[in-house]
């Protein structure tokens, strides 16, 4: 298992990866467009689309959290020097 600093650096690298960010943005945009094109009675379809959006948001939040944790660990280590 990698430590917090390594995980933070890896997460930051992923968040800077243009291809990954573009793909996530496109998936979110397509899901939103699909949601708007469905009618209110399409509950199951809309629920699936909502779940996709939530999964993308959760992934982004987790990566952001890893970046923050890594920075805090690095700052803590620098303070203790």
N, C-alpha and C. Protein backbone atom coordinates (compact mmCIF):
# COMPACT_ATOMS: atom_id res chain seq x y z
N UNK A 1 0.85 -1.18 0.00
CA UNK A 1 0.00 0.00 0.00
C UNK A 1 0.90 1.25 0.00
N UNK A 2 0.50 2.25 -0.74
CA UNK A 2 1.30 3.47 -0.82
C UNK A 2 0.94 4.41 0.33
N UNK A 3 1.89 5.27 0.70
CA UNK A 3 1.63 6.19 1.80
C UNK A 3 0.83 7.39 1.31
N UNK A 4 0.43 8.24 2.27
CA UNK A 4 -0.43 9.39 1.95
C UNK A 4 0.20 10.34 0.95
N UNK A 5 1.48 10.59 1.09
CA UNK A 5 2.14 11.51 0.16
C UNK A 5 2.14 10.97 -1.26
N UNK A 6 2.49 9.69 -1.40
CA UNK A 6 2.51 9.07 -2.73
C UNK A 6 1.10 9.05 -3.33
N UNK A 7 0.11 8.71 -2.50
CA UNK A 7 -1.27 8.67 -2.97
C UNK A 7 -1.71 10.07 -3.41
N UNK A 8 -1.32 11.08 -2.63
CA UNK A 8 -1.67 12.46 -2.98
C UNK A 8 -1.06 12.89 -4.30
N UNK A 9 0.21 12.54 -4.49
CA UNK A 9 0.88 12.88 -5.76
C UNK A 9 0.23 12.15 -6.94
N UNK A 10 -0.11 10.88 -6.73
CA UNK A 10 -0.74 10.10 -7.80
C UNK A 10 -2.13 10.67 -8.14
N UNK A 11 -2.88 11.05 -7.10
CA UNK A 11 -4.20 11.63 -7.33
C UNK A 11 -4.09 12.96 -8.06
N UNK A 12 -3.12 13.78 -7.67
CA UNK A 12 -2.91 15.07 -8.34
C UNK A 12 -2.57 14.86 -9.81
N UNK A 13 -1.76 13.85 -10.06
CA UNK A 13 -1.38 13.54 -11.44
C UNK A 13 -2.62 13.14 -12.26
N UNK A 14 -3.48 12.34 -11.65
CA UNK A 14 -4.72 11.95 -12.35
C UNK A 14 -5.59 13.16 -12.64
N UNK A 15 -5.70 14.06 -11.66
CA UNK A 15 -6.54 15.24 -11.84
C UNK A 15 -5.96 16.22 -12.86
N UNK A 16 -4.67 16.10 -13.13
CA UNK A 16 -4.04 16.93 -14.17
C UNK A 16 -4.07 16.26 -15.54
N UNK A 17 -4.46 15.00 -15.57
CA UNK A 17 -4.49 14.24 -16.81
C UNK A 17 -5.66 14.73 -17.67
N UNK A 18 -5.33 15.44 -18.75
CA UNK A 18 -6.36 16.05 -19.59
C UNK A 18 -7.35 15.03 -20.15
N UNK A 19 -6.84 13.86 -20.52
CA UNK A 19 -7.71 12.84 -21.10
C UNK A 19 -8.72 12.35 -20.07
N UNK A 20 -8.27 12.08 -18.87
CA UNK A 20 -9.17 11.62 -17.82
C UNK A 20 -10.20 12.69 -17.48
N UNK A 21 -9.75 13.92 -17.29
CA UNK A 21 -10.66 15.01 -16.94
C UNK A 21 -11.68 15.23 -18.05
N UNK A 22 -11.22 15.20 -19.28
CA UNK A 22 -12.13 15.38 -20.42
C UNK A 22 -13.15 14.25 -20.47
N UNK A 23 -12.71 13.02 -20.26
CA UNK A 23 -13.63 11.88 -20.29
C UNK A 23 -14.67 11.99 -19.18
N UNK A 24 -14.24 12.37 -17.99
CA UNK A 24 -15.18 12.53 -16.88
C UNK A 24 -16.18 13.65 -17.17
N UNK A 25 -15.70 14.75 -17.72
CA UNK A 25 -16.59 15.86 -18.07
C UNK A 25 -17.59 15.45 -19.14
N UNK A 26 -17.12 14.71 -20.14
CA UNK A 26 -18.01 14.27 -21.21
C UNK A 26 -19.07 13.31 -20.68
N UNK A 27 -18.66 12.38 -19.82
CA UNK A 27 -19.63 11.44 -19.25
C UNK A 27 -20.68 12.20 -18.45
N UNK A 28 -20.23 13.17 -17.64
CA UNK A 28 -21.17 13.96 -16.85
C UNK A 28 -22.11 14.76 -17.75
N UNK A 29 -21.55 15.37 -18.79
CA UNK A 29 -22.38 16.15 -19.72
C UNK A 29 -23.39 15.28 -20.45
N UNK A 30 -22.95 14.12 -20.91
CA UNK A 30 -23.85 13.20 -21.60
C UNK A 30 -24.95 12.71 -20.67
N UNK A 31 -24.59 12.42 -19.42
CA UNK A 31 -25.59 11.96 -18.45
C UNK A 31 -26.62 13.06 -18.20
N UNK A 32 -26.15 14.30 -18.06
CA UNK A 32 -27.07 15.42 -17.82
C UNK A 32 -28.01 15.60 -19.01
N UNK A 33 -27.45 15.54 -20.21
CA UNK A 33 -28.29 15.69 -21.42
C UNK A 33 -29.31 14.56 -21.50
N UNK A 34 -28.87 13.36 -21.17
CA UNK A 34 -29.78 12.21 -21.20
C UNK A 34 -30.88 12.39 -20.15
N UNK A 35 -30.51 12.88 -18.98
CA UNK A 35 -31.48 13.12 -17.92
C UNK A 35 -32.54 14.12 -18.39
N UNK A 36 -32.08 15.20 -19.02
CA UNK A 36 -33.01 16.22 -19.50
C UNK A 36 -33.93 15.72 -20.60
N UNK A 37 -33.47 14.73 -21.36
CA UNK A 37 -34.27 14.23 -22.47
C UNK A 37 -35.27 13.15 -22.05
N UNK A 38 -35.20 12.71 -20.80
CA UNK A 38 -36.16 11.70 -20.34
C UNK A 38 -37.35 12.39 -19.71
N UNK A 39 -38.47 11.68 -19.69
CA UNK A 39 -39.64 12.26 -19.03
C UNK A 39 -39.66 11.86 -17.56
N UNK A 40 -40.45 12.55 -16.81
CA UNK A 40 -40.51 12.36 -15.36
C UNK A 40 -40.90 10.93 -15.00
N UNK A 41 -41.69 10.29 -15.82
CA UNK A 41 -42.14 8.93 -15.53
C UNK A 41 -41.03 7.89 -15.70
N UNK A 42 -39.91 8.27 -16.32
CA UNK A 42 -38.80 7.33 -16.54
C UNK A 42 -37.91 7.26 -15.30
N UNK A 43 -38.54 6.90 -14.19
CA UNK A 43 -37.86 6.92 -12.91
C UNK A 43 -36.60 6.05 -12.89
N UNK A 44 -36.70 4.82 -13.37
CA UNK A 44 -35.56 3.91 -13.32
C UNK A 44 -34.40 4.40 -14.19
N UNK A 45 -34.72 4.92 -15.35
CA UNK A 45 -33.68 5.46 -16.24
C UNK A 45 -33.02 6.66 -15.57
N UNK A 46 -33.82 7.55 -15.04
CA UNK A 46 -33.28 8.74 -14.38
C UNK A 46 -32.45 8.37 -13.16
N UNK A 47 -32.88 7.36 -12.44
CA UNK A 47 -32.12 6.93 -11.27
C UNK A 47 -30.74 6.42 -11.68
N UNK A 48 -30.66 5.68 -12.76
CA UNK A 48 -29.38 5.20 -13.27
C UNK A 48 -28.48 6.34 -13.71
N UNK A 49 -29.06 7.33 -14.36
CA UNK A 49 -28.29 8.49 -14.79
C UNK A 49 -27.78 9.26 -13.58
N UNK A 50 -28.64 9.42 -12.59
CA UNK A 50 -28.26 10.12 -11.35
C UNK A 50 -27.10 9.37 -10.67
N UNK A 51 -27.19 8.05 -10.64
CA UNK A 51 -26.14 7.25 -10.01
C UNK A 51 -24.80 7.44 -10.73
N UNK A 52 -24.84 7.54 -12.04
CA UNK A 52 -23.61 7.79 -12.81
C UNK A 52 -22.99 9.12 -12.40
N UNK A 53 -23.80 10.15 -12.32
CA UNK A 53 -23.31 11.46 -11.90
C UNK A 53 -22.75 11.44 -10.49
N UNK A 54 -23.41 10.72 -9.60
CA UNK A 54 -22.94 10.62 -8.22
C UNK A 54 -21.61 9.87 -8.14
N UNK A 55 -21.46 8.84 -8.94
CA UNK A 55 -20.21 8.09 -8.96
C UNK A 55 -19.05 8.96 -9.43
N UNK A 56 -19.28 9.74 -10.47
CA UNK A 56 -18.24 10.65 -10.96
C UNK A 56 -17.88 11.70 -9.90
N UNK A 57 -18.89 12.25 -9.25
CA UNK A 57 -18.65 13.24 -8.20
C UNK A 57 -17.89 12.63 -7.03
N UNK A 58 -18.25 11.43 -6.67
CA UNK A 58 -17.59 10.72 -5.57
C UNK A 58 -16.12 10.47 -5.91
N UNK A 59 -15.85 10.06 -7.13
CA UNK A 59 -14.47 9.83 -7.56
C UNK A 59 -13.66 11.11 -7.48
N UNK A 60 -14.21 12.20 -7.98
CA UNK A 60 -13.51 13.50 -7.96
C UNK A 60 -13.24 13.94 -6.52
N UNK A 61 -14.25 13.82 -5.65
CA UNK A 61 -14.07 14.20 -4.25
C UNK A 61 -12.99 13.36 -3.58
N UNK A 62 -12.97 12.07 -3.88
CA UNK A 62 -11.97 11.18 -3.27
C UNK A 62 -10.57 11.55 -3.73
N UNK A 63 -10.41 11.81 -5.02
CA UNK A 63 -9.10 12.22 -5.53
C UNK A 63 -8.67 13.54 -4.91
N UNK A 64 -9.60 14.50 -4.81
CA UNK A 64 -9.30 15.78 -4.16
C UNK A 64 -8.89 15.56 -2.71
N UNK A 65 -9.56 14.65 -2.05
CA UNK A 65 -9.24 14.34 -0.65
C UNK A 65 -7.84 13.74 -0.53
N UNK A 66 -7.49 12.84 -1.43
CA UNK A 66 -6.15 12.25 -1.42
C UNK A 66 -5.08 13.33 -1.63
N UNK A 67 -5.36 14.27 -2.53
CA UNK A 67 -4.41 15.36 -2.79
C UNK A 67 -4.23 16.17 -1.51
N UNK A 68 -5.34 16.53 -0.88
CA UNK A 68 -5.27 17.32 0.35
C UNK A 68 -4.56 16.59 1.47
N UNK A 69 -4.87 15.31 1.63
CA UNK A 69 -4.21 14.52 2.68
C UNK A 69 -2.71 14.44 2.44
N UNK A 70 -2.32 14.26 1.19
CA UNK A 70 -0.90 14.20 0.85
C UNK A 70 -0.19 15.50 1.15
N UNK A 71 -0.85 16.62 0.84
CA UNK A 71 -0.25 17.93 1.12
C UNK A 71 -0.12 18.15 2.62
N UNK A 72 -1.13 17.75 3.37
CA UNK A 72 -1.08 17.91 4.83
C UNK A 72 0.04 17.07 5.43
N UNK A 73 0.19 15.86 4.93
CA UNK A 73 1.26 14.98 5.41
C UNK A 73 2.62 15.61 5.10
N UNK A 74 2.78 16.12 3.88
CA UNK A 74 4.04 16.76 3.49
C UNK A 74 4.33 17.97 4.36
N UNK A 75 3.33 18.80 4.59
CA UNK A 75 3.51 19.99 5.43
C UNK A 75 3.86 19.60 6.86
N UNK A 76 3.23 18.56 7.37
CA UNK A 76 3.52 18.08 8.71
C UNK A 76 4.94 17.58 8.85
N UNK A 77 5.41 16.90 7.83
CA UNK A 77 6.78 16.37 7.86
C UNK A 77 7.78 17.51 7.77
N UNK A 78 7.46 18.54 6.96
CA UNK A 78 8.38 19.68 6.82
C UNK A 78 8.45 20.48 8.12
N UNK A 79 7.33 20.56 8.83
CA UNK A 79 7.31 21.27 10.12
C UNK A 79 8.19 20.59 11.15
N UNK A 80 8.20 19.26 11.09
CA UNK A 80 8.94 18.48 12.08
C UNK A 80 10.43 18.41 11.80
N UNK A 81 10.89 18.99 10.70
CA UNK A 81 12.31 18.93 10.37
C UNK A 81 13.09 19.93 11.19
